[in-house]
Amino acid sequence: MKFKTIEWKGDRVRILDQRRLPQEVRYLDCRDASSVAQAIRTMAVRGAPAIGVAAAMGIALAAKRIRSNQAKMFRKNLKRVCDEMSRTRPTAVNLFWAVNRMKEILNLVHADGAEKTRHHLIEEALRIYEEDVEINRKIGENGKKLIHSGDGILTHCNAGALATSGYGTALGVIYAARDQGKKFQVFVDETRPMLQGCRLTAWELVQEKIPATLITDNMAGVLMRKGLVNLVVVGADRIARNGDTANKIGTYGLAVLSKFHDIPFYVAAPTSTLDLSLVSGEEIPIEERNIAEVTHFCGYPIAPKGVKAFNPAFDVTPHSLINGIITEKGIIRKPFERGLKRIMTNSKSPPHPSLSPRGRG
């Protein structure tokens, strides 16, 4: 990748401000946790994996800035920061997964004193970042076999390097197929109302010199009817136990169209996006954003004053419309509940050696 979505700079977290793309490449230097939380809330950084990484780095930054070395006060202040991060966006489960990992570190080592705890929290945030890059590459490797030379691939929103620490999930599958030498065409949904496909995915693909055609969201059915789409690959923000998947608004409609036209529909996501505590997608909390995102464009009104608007950021695609879920552990197929439980059981990580009794001295 020719850009970095998020970086740890020691005294700050540097975030590529995605609100300004594609017109301008500008970075935010967040010097405290509240600035990181604000970047998440305002979608300067977005995409479930990237949100999780940003939250972890924001907590690590707070740990560095807390002056008190008294363990109880240090822990209390940092838990307040964790709560602030958890309130930024409700749907992306990677956010809560990352915050919980940081909380676990805090609970394990806080008794050793603030200085050691700071070190371990920073170490954990960087580990989450590095793991995400590696996981994305594995997702790409597992999914590339679904793409054949000559295919037309449709994707929705942005599930690329901009949505992760690097490489991407749905776009990671596309990048891996490209690296294998396959030639294909990518169709990019604009993704109203925030235009993540138009502004971000199209920008990424241009950077990577992958042939891409931008379409409005209501053109997908025509492309499918003409036989131009052979595969649909999207990302995810939360996946329930039965395989129901929350992703950017408009994904459900694409899945219905894909089913009607007999086109394979795949979700690409890391196992950190799985939420097996939820029986089905009916239990996934759906974020509703400011209606001005619908009624205005770049700050200018495009709808009559006083009209009502509906602006859910995500929808839920039922598992019956999904052919498979591409994870770093392989492609999971129906019945999803059995397969998802199996990979989660097999992916339990042992405690980090530096946090074992011997490692902590």
Protein backbone atom coordinates (compact mmCIF):
# COMPACT_ATOMS: atom_id res chain seq x y z
CA MET A 1 0.00 0.00 0.00
CA LYS A 2 1.19 3.51 -0.80
CA PHE A 3 -0.44 5.00 2.29
CA LYS A 4 -0.94 4.21 5.98
CA THR A 5 -4.38 4.36 7.53
CA ILE A 6 -3.16 4.59 11.12
CA GLU A 7 0.26 4.79 12.81
CA TRP A 8 1.60 4.82 16.35
CA LYS A 9 4.05 7.72 16.68
CA GLY A 10 4.97 7.37 20.35
CA ASP A 11 3.51 10.67 21.55
CA ARG A 12 0.53 10.65 19.16
CA VAL A 13 -1.62 8.51 16.89
CA ARG A 14 -1.49 9.54 13.24
CA ILE A 15 -4.72 8.88 11.32
CA LEU A 16 -5.38 9.36 7.62
CA ASP A 17 -8.43 11.66 7.55
CA GLN A 18 -10.77 9.73 5.27
CA ARG A 19 -13.34 12.53 5.25
CA ARG A 20 -11.05 14.49 2.89
CA LEU A 21 -10.41 11.73 0.37
CA PRO A 22 -10.07 11.61 -2.58
CA GLN A 23 -9.49 15.35 -3.01
CA GLU A 24 -6.83 15.64 -0.32
CA VAL A 25 -4.51 13.31 1.57
CA ARG A 26 -4.30 14.79 5.05
CA TYR A 27 -3.31 13.21 8.36
CA LEU A 28 -4.63 13.94 11.84
CA ASP A 29 -2.14 13.88 14.71
CA CYS A 30 -4.22 12.81 17.72
CA ARG A 31 -2.31 13.63 20.89
CA ASP A 32 -4.87 12.37 23.40
CA ALA A 33 -7.52 9.68 23.66
CA SER A 34 -10.42 12.11 23.22
CA SER A 35 -9.04 13.17 19.84
CA VAL A 36 -8.88 9.52 18.76
CA ALA A 37 -12.46 8.97 19.97
CA GLN A 38 -13.58 12.01 18.02
CA ALA A 39 -11.84 10.71 14.88
CA ILE A 40 -13.80 7.45 15.25
CA ARG A 41 -17.12 9.19 15.88
CA THR A 42 -16.78 11.55 12.91
CA MET A 43 -15.54 8.76 10.58
CA ALA A 44 -12.13 10.29 10.00
CA VAL A 45 -11.15 6.67 10.63
CA ARG A 46 -13.74 4.00 9.80
CA GLY A 47 -14.04 0.32 8.98
CA ALA A 48 -14.48 -2.19 11.79
CA PRO A 49 -10.86 -3.43 12.05
CA ALA A 50 -9.39 0.10 11.79
CA ILE A 51 -11.79 1.34 14.47
CA GLY A 52 -10.57 -1.40 16.80
CA VAL A 53 -6.91 -0.55 16.18
CA ALA A 54 -7.56 3.17 16.64
CA ALA A 55 -9.35 2.56 19.95
CA ALA A 56 -6.50 0.40 21.26
CA MET A 57 -3.93 3.03 20.30
CA GLY A 58 -6.07 5.75 21.88
CA ILE A 59 -6.13 3.81 25.16
CA ALA A 60 -2.36 3.30 24.98
CA LEU A 61 -1.92 7.02 24.36
CA ALA A 62 -4.04 7.78 27.43
CA ALA A 63 -1.88 5.42 29.49
CA LYS A 64 1.19 7.44 28.49
CA ARG A 65 -0.48 10.74 29.38
CA ILE A 66 -1.89 9.79 32.80
CA ARG A 67 0.50 11.38 35.28
CA SER A 68 -0.52 9.47 38.38
CA ASN A 69 1.69 6.47 39.18
CA GLN A 70 -0.68 5.29 41.88
CA ALA A 71 -2.05 1.99 40.57
CA LYS A 72 -5.67 2.44 41.72
CA MET A 73 -6.00 5.96 40.30
CA PHE A 74 -4.22 4.96 37.09
CA ARG A 75 -6.64 2.07 36.58
CA LYS A 76 -9.70 4.21 37.34
CA ASN A 77 -8.68 6.90 34.83
CA LEU A 78 -7.89 4.38 32.13
CA LYS A 79 -11.18 2.53 32.57
CA ARG A 80 -12.92 5.87 31.99
CA VAL A 81 -11.04 6.15 28.69
CA CYS A 82 -12.05 2.60 27.73
CA ASP A 83 -15.68 3.52 28.36
CA GLU A 84 -15.32 6.62 26.18
CA MET A 85 -13.95 4.53 23.32
CA SER A 86 -16.76 1.99 23.68
CA ARG A 87 -19.36 4.72 23.21
CA THR A 88 -18.02 5.99 19.87
CA ARG A 89 -19.82 3.60 17.49
CA PRO A 90 -22.18 0.80 18.55
CA THR A 91 -22.26 -1.66 15.62
CA ALA A 92 -18.61 -2.54 14.84
CA VAL A 93 -17.82 -5.35 17.27
CA ASN A 94 -14.07 -5.05 16.59
CA LEU A 95 -14.20 -1.87 18.67
CA PHE A 96 -15.38 -3.73 21.77
CA TRP A 97 -13.04 -6.65 21.03
CA ALA A 98 -10.02 -4.32 21.00
CA VAL A 99 -11.15 -2.36 24.07
CA ASN A 100 -11.67 -5.62 25.97
CA ARG A 101 -8.17 -6.79 25.05
CA MET A 102 -6.78 -3.57 26.51
CA LYS A 103 -8.92 -4.00 29.63
CA GLU A 104 -7.58 -7.51 30.10
CA ILE A 105 -4.03 -6.19 30.02
CA LEU A 106 -4.97 -3.49 32.51
CA ASN A 107 -6.56 -6.03 34.86
CA LEU A 108 -3.58 -8.39 34.64
CA VAL A 109 -0.75 -6.00 35.25
CA HIS A 110 -2.04 -2.88 36.97
CA ALA A 111 -0.89 -4.14 40.37
CA ASP A 112 2.71 -4.01 39.08
CA GLY A 113 2.44 -0.24 38.95
CA ALA A 114 1.70 2.37 36.34
CA GLU A 115 5.03 2.28 34.52
CA LYS A 116 4.92 -1.43 33.71
CA THR A 117 1.25 -1.18 32.81
CA ARG A 118 1.97 1.62 30.33
CA HIS A 119 4.56 -0.55 28.62
CA HIS A 120 2.24 -3.54 28.36
CA LEU A 121 -0.70 -1.50 27.04
CA ILE A 122 1.40 0.10 24.31
CA GLU A 123 2.78 -3.33 23.45
CA GLU A 124 -0.74 -4.76 23.19
CA ALA A 125 -2.00 -1.92 20.96
CA LEU A 126 0.90 -2.46 18.57
CA ARG A 127 0.26 -6.20 18.63
CA ILE A 128 -3.39 -5.63 17.65
CA TYR A 129 -2.18 -3.47 14.75
CA GLU A 130 0.36 -6.02 13.52
CA GLU A 131 -2.05 -8.94 13.90
CA ASP A 132 -4.63 -7.12 11.79
CA VAL A 133 -2.27 -6.71 8.85
CA GLU A 134 -1.30 -10.38 8.97
CA ILE A 135 -4.92 -11.52 9.37
CA ASN A 136 -5.99 -9.46 6.34
CA ARG A 137 -3.33 -11.08 4.19
CA LYS A 138 -4.54 -14.52 5.27
CA ILE A 139 -8.12 -13.56 4.39
CA GLY A 140 -6.87 -12.53 0.96
CA GLU A 141 -5.02 -15.80 0.48
CA ASN A 142 -8.06 -17.84 1.52
CA GLY A 143 -10.45 -15.92 -0.70
CA LYS A 144 -8.43 -15.45 -3.89
CA LYS A 145 -9.49 -18.82 -5.28
CA LEU A 146 -13.04 -17.47 -5.61
CA ILE A 147 -11.88 -15.02 -8.29
CA HIS A 148 -11.12 -16.12 -11.85
CA SER A 149 -9.55 -14.23 -14.71
CA GLY A 150 -12.23 -12.41 -16.67
CA ASP A 151 -14.59 -12.08 -13.69
CA GLY A 152 -16.62 -9.02 -12.83
CA ILE A 153 -16.53 -8.46 -9.07
CA LEU A 154 -18.90 -6.14 -7.24
CA THR A 155 -18.07 -4.68 -3.83
CA HIS A 156 -19.91 -2.29 -1.53
CA CYS A 157 -18.62 0.45 0.79
CA ASN A 158 -14.89 0.21 1.62
CA ALA A 159 -13.34 -2.94 3.04
CA GLY A 160 -9.78 -2.25 1.95
CA ALA A 161 -6.58 -0.93 3.51
CA LEU A 162 -8.45 2.21 4.56
CA ALA A 163 -10.82 0.13 6.70
CA THR A 164 -8.04 -1.85 8.39
CA SER A 165 -4.42 -1.56 9.51
CA GLY A 166 -3.48 -2.36 5.93
CA TYR A 167 -4.38 -4.55 2.93
CA GLY A 168 -8.07 -5.02 3.67
CA THR A 169 -10.68 -7.77 3.94
CA ALA A 170 -12.96 -7.77 0.87
CA LEU A 171 -10.39 -5.77 -1.09
CA GLY A 172 -7.69 -7.99 0.40
CA VAL A 173 -9.26 -10.88 -1.53
CA ILE A 174 -9.09 -8.77 -4.69
CA TYR A 175 -5.47 -7.73 -4.04
CA ALA A 176 -4.42 -11.34 -3.46
CA ALA A 177 -6.06 -12.44 -6.73
CA ARG A 178 -4.30 -9.59 -8.54
CA ASP A 179 -0.96 -10.61 -7.04
CA GLN A 180 -1.61 -14.12 -8.37
CA GLY A 181 -1.71 -12.66 -11.88
CA LYS A 182 -5.46 -12.82 -12.43
CA LYS A 183 -7.10 -10.18 -14.62
CA PHE A 184 -10.59 -9.00 -13.75
CA GLN A 185 -12.88 -5.97 -13.48
CA VAL A 186 -14.11 -4.49 -10.20
CA PHE A 187 -17.44 -2.68 -9.97
CA VAL A 188 -17.63 -0.23 -7.06
CA ASP A 189 -20.95 0.80 -5.50
CA GLU A 190 -20.84 4.51 -4.61
CA THR A 191 -22.41 3.66 -1.20
CA ARG A 192 -24.72 6.47 -0.22
CA PRO A 193 -24.98 8.52 1.88
CA MET A 194 -21.28 8.84 2.84
CA LEU A 195 -19.94 7.60 -0.52
CA GLN A 196 -17.28 5.30 0.92
CA GLY A 197 -17.21 3.32 -2.32
CA CYS A 198 -16.96 6.38 -4.53
CA ARG A 199 -14.47 8.28 -2.38
CA LEU A 200 -12.44 5.50 -0.79
CA THR A 201 -12.66 2.14 -2.59
CA ALA A 202 -12.34 3.72 -6.03
CA TRP A 203 -9.37 5.76 -4.75
CA GLU A 204 -7.66 2.64 -3.36
CA LEU A 205 -8.13 0.68 -6.58
CA VAL A 206 -6.76 3.57 -8.66
CA GLN A 207 -3.70 3.65 -6.38
CA GLU A 208 -3.25 -0.09 -6.96
CA LYS A 209 -3.87 0.20 -10.74
CA ILE A 210 -6.73 -2.33 -10.61
CA PRO A 211 -9.40 -1.77 -13.32
CA ALA A 212 -12.46 -0.34 -11.59
CA THR A 213 -15.82 1.02 -12.69
CA LEU A 214 -17.85 3.21 -10.34
CA ILE A 215 -21.63 2.76 -10.30
CA THR A 216 -24.45 4.31 -8.30
CA ASP A 217 -26.07 2.00 -5.79
CA ASN A 218 -29.21 1.55 -7.90
CA MET A 219 -27.27 0.29 -10.95
CA ALA A 220 -26.20 -3.06 -9.48
CA GLY A 221 -29.30 -4.93 -10.66
CA VAL A 222 -28.79 -3.86 -14.26
CA LEU A 223 -25.17 -5.04 -14.20
CA MET A 224 -26.24 -8.41 -12.83
CA ARG A 225 -29.01 -8.82 -15.41
CA LYS A 226 -26.48 -8.11 -18.18
CA GLY A 227 -24.23 -10.89 -16.83
CA LEU A 228 -21.38 -8.51 -15.97
CA VAL A 229 -21.11 -9.56 -12.29
CA ASN A 230 -19.76 -13.01 -11.40
CA LEU A 231 -19.06 -12.48 -7.70
CA VAL A 232 -20.00 -10.10 -4.88
CA VAL A 233 -17.55 -9.65 -1.98
CA VAL A 234 -18.25 -7.32 0.95
CA GLY A 235 -16.85 -6.70 4.41
CA ALA A 236 -18.64 -6.88 7.77
CA ASP A 237 -18.98 -4.95 11.01
CA ARG A 238 -20.54 -7.73 13.09
CA ILE A 239 -21.46 -11.35 12.39
CA ALA A 240 -23.93 -13.19 14.63
CA ARG A 241 -23.70 -16.85 15.61
CA ASN A 242 -25.99 -18.00 12.77
CA GLY A 243 -24.04 -16.07 10.11
CA ASP A 244 -26.35 -13.05 9.86
CA THR A 245 -24.07 -10.15 8.96
CA ALA A 246 -24.23 -6.42 9.64
CA ASN A 247 -22.46 -4.31 7.04
CA LYS A 248 -22.84 -0.88 5.46
CA ILE A 249 -26.39 0.07 4.55
CA GLY A 250 -27.25 -1.27 1.10
CA THR A 251 -25.51 -4.62 1.56
CA TYR A 252 -28.79 -6.44 2.20
CA GLY A 253 -30.23 -5.19 -1.09
CA LEU A 254 -27.16 -6.44 -2.97
CA ALA A 255 -27.52 -9.85 -1.34
CA VAL A 256 -31.16 -10.09 -2.44
CA LEU A 257 -30.20 -9.13 -6.01
CA SER A 258 -27.35 -11.65 -5.98
CA LYS A 259 -29.68 -14.44 -4.87
CA PHE A 260 -32.19 -13.61 -7.60
CA HIS A 261 -29.49 -13.60 -10.30
CA ASP A 262 -27.72 -16.70 -8.90
CA ILE A 263 -24.48 -14.80 -8.20
CA PRO A 264 -22.24 -15.98 -5.32
CA PHE A 265 -22.30 -13.54 -2.38
CA TYR A 266 -19.38 -13.68 0.08
CA VAL A 267 -18.50 -11.82 3.27
CA ALA A 268 -14.82 -11.26 4.11
CA ALA A 269 -14.04 -10.55 7.77
CA PRO A 270 -11.56 -11.41 10.54
CA THR A 271 -12.69 -13.62 13.41
CA SER A 272 -12.63 -10.52 15.64
CA THR A 273 -15.81 -9.47 13.78
CA LEU A 274 -17.68 -12.56 14.99
CA ASP A 275 -20.05 -12.05 17.90
CA LEU A 276 -21.16 -15.52 18.94
CA SER A 277 -23.00 -14.07 21.94
CA LEU A 278 -25.74 -13.01 19.51
CA VAL A 279 -28.05 -15.73 18.25
CA SER A 280 -29.01 -13.84 15.11
CA GLY A 281 -28.76 -10.52 13.33
CA GLU A 282 -31.96 -9.36 15.02
CA GLU A 283 -29.83 -8.69 18.11
CA ILE A 284 -27.17 -6.58 16.37
CA PRO A 285 -27.40 -2.91 17.44
CA ILE A 286 -27.68 -0.68 14.37
CA GLU A 287 -26.17 2.80 14.56
CA GLU A 288 -28.39 5.62 13.34
CA ARG A 289 -26.50 8.71 12.25
CA ASN A 290 -27.36 12.38 11.75
CA ILE A 291 -30.02 12.81 9.06
CA ALA A 292 -27.97 15.68 7.61
CA GLU A 293 -25.80 13.00 5.99
CA VAL A 294 -28.84 12.19 3.83
CA THR A 295 -30.36 15.64 3.39
CA HIS A 296 -27.05 17.42 2.70
CA PHE A 297 -24.08 16.80 0.41
CA CYS A 298 -20.69 18.31 1.30
CA GLY A 299 -22.54 20.68 3.62
CA TYR A 300 -25.06 21.83 1.02
CA PRO A 301 -28.77 20.99 1.35
CA ILE A 302 -30.09 18.66 -1.36
CA ALA A 303 -33.53 18.04 0.15
CA PRO A 304 -36.33 20.48 1.03
CA LYS A 305 -36.08 22.00 4.47
CA GLY A 306 -38.19 20.19 7.06
CA VAL A 307 -38.38 16.84 5.28
CA LYS A 308 -37.81 13.78 7.46
CA ALA A 309 -34.98 11.36 6.73
CA PHE A 310 -33.93 7.88 7.82
CA ASN A 311 -30.20 7.20 8.21
CA PRO A 312 -29.20 3.78 9.58
CA ALA A 313 -25.47 3.28 9.01
CA PHE A 314 -25.82 -0.50 8.60
CA ASP A 315 -28.25 -3.22 7.62
CA VAL A 316 -28.28 -6.95 8.33
CA THR A 317 -27.96 -9.58 5.60
CA PRO A 318 -29.60 -12.90 6.59
CA HIS A 319 -27.29 -15.91 6.51
CA SER A 320 -29.54 -17.59 3.94
CA LEU A 321 -28.34 -15.07 1.33
CA ILE A 322 -24.63 -15.61 2.05
CA ASN A 323 -22.61 -18.31 0.25
CA GLY A 324 -19.63 -18.17 2.58
CA ILE A 325 -17.68 -16.13 5.13
CA ILE A 326 -14.00 -15.67 4.31
CA THR A 327 -11.86 -15.48 7.47
CA GLU A 328 -8.18 -15.85 8.28
CA LYS A 329 -9.04 -19.41 9.39
CA GLY A 330 -10.57 -20.37 6.04
CA ILE A 331 -13.89 -20.03 4.22
CA ILE A 332 -16.83 -20.94 6.43
CA ARG A 333 -19.89 -22.36 4.69
CA LYS A 334 -23.35 -23.41 5.85
CA PRO A 335 -24.36 -24.36 8.43
CA PHE A 336 -22.56 -21.25 9.66
CA GLU A 337 -23.21 -21.72 13.37
CA ARG A 338 -21.28 -24.98 13.45
CA GLY A 339 -18.38 -23.65 11.38
CA LEU A 340 -18.09 -20.34 13.24
CA LYS A 341 -18.10 -22.09 16.62
CA ARG A 342 -15.41 -24.46 15.41
CA ILE A 343 -12.98 -21.78 14.24
CA MET A 344 -13.51 -19.70 17.37
CA THR A 345 -12.84 -22.72 19.57
CA ASN A 346 -9.64 -23.44 17.65
CA SER A 347 -8.45 -19.82 17.66
CA LYS A 348 -8.22 -19.19 21.39
CA SER A 349 -4.87 -17.49 21.96
CA PRO A 350 -2.69 -18.36 24.97
CA PRO A 351 -1.72 -15.51 27.28
CA HIS A 352 1.16 -13.40 26.01
CA PRO A 353 4.44 -14.64 27.57
CA SER A 354 5.27 -11.21 28.99
CA LEU A 355 2.12 -11.41 31.10
CA SER A 356 2.74 -14.87 32.54
CA PRO A 357 3.82 -15.04 36.19
CA ARG A 358 7.38 -15.87 35.08
CA GLY A 359 7.43 -13.10 32.48
CA ARG A 360 6.27 -10.54 35.02
CA GLY A 361 8.93 -11.52 37.50
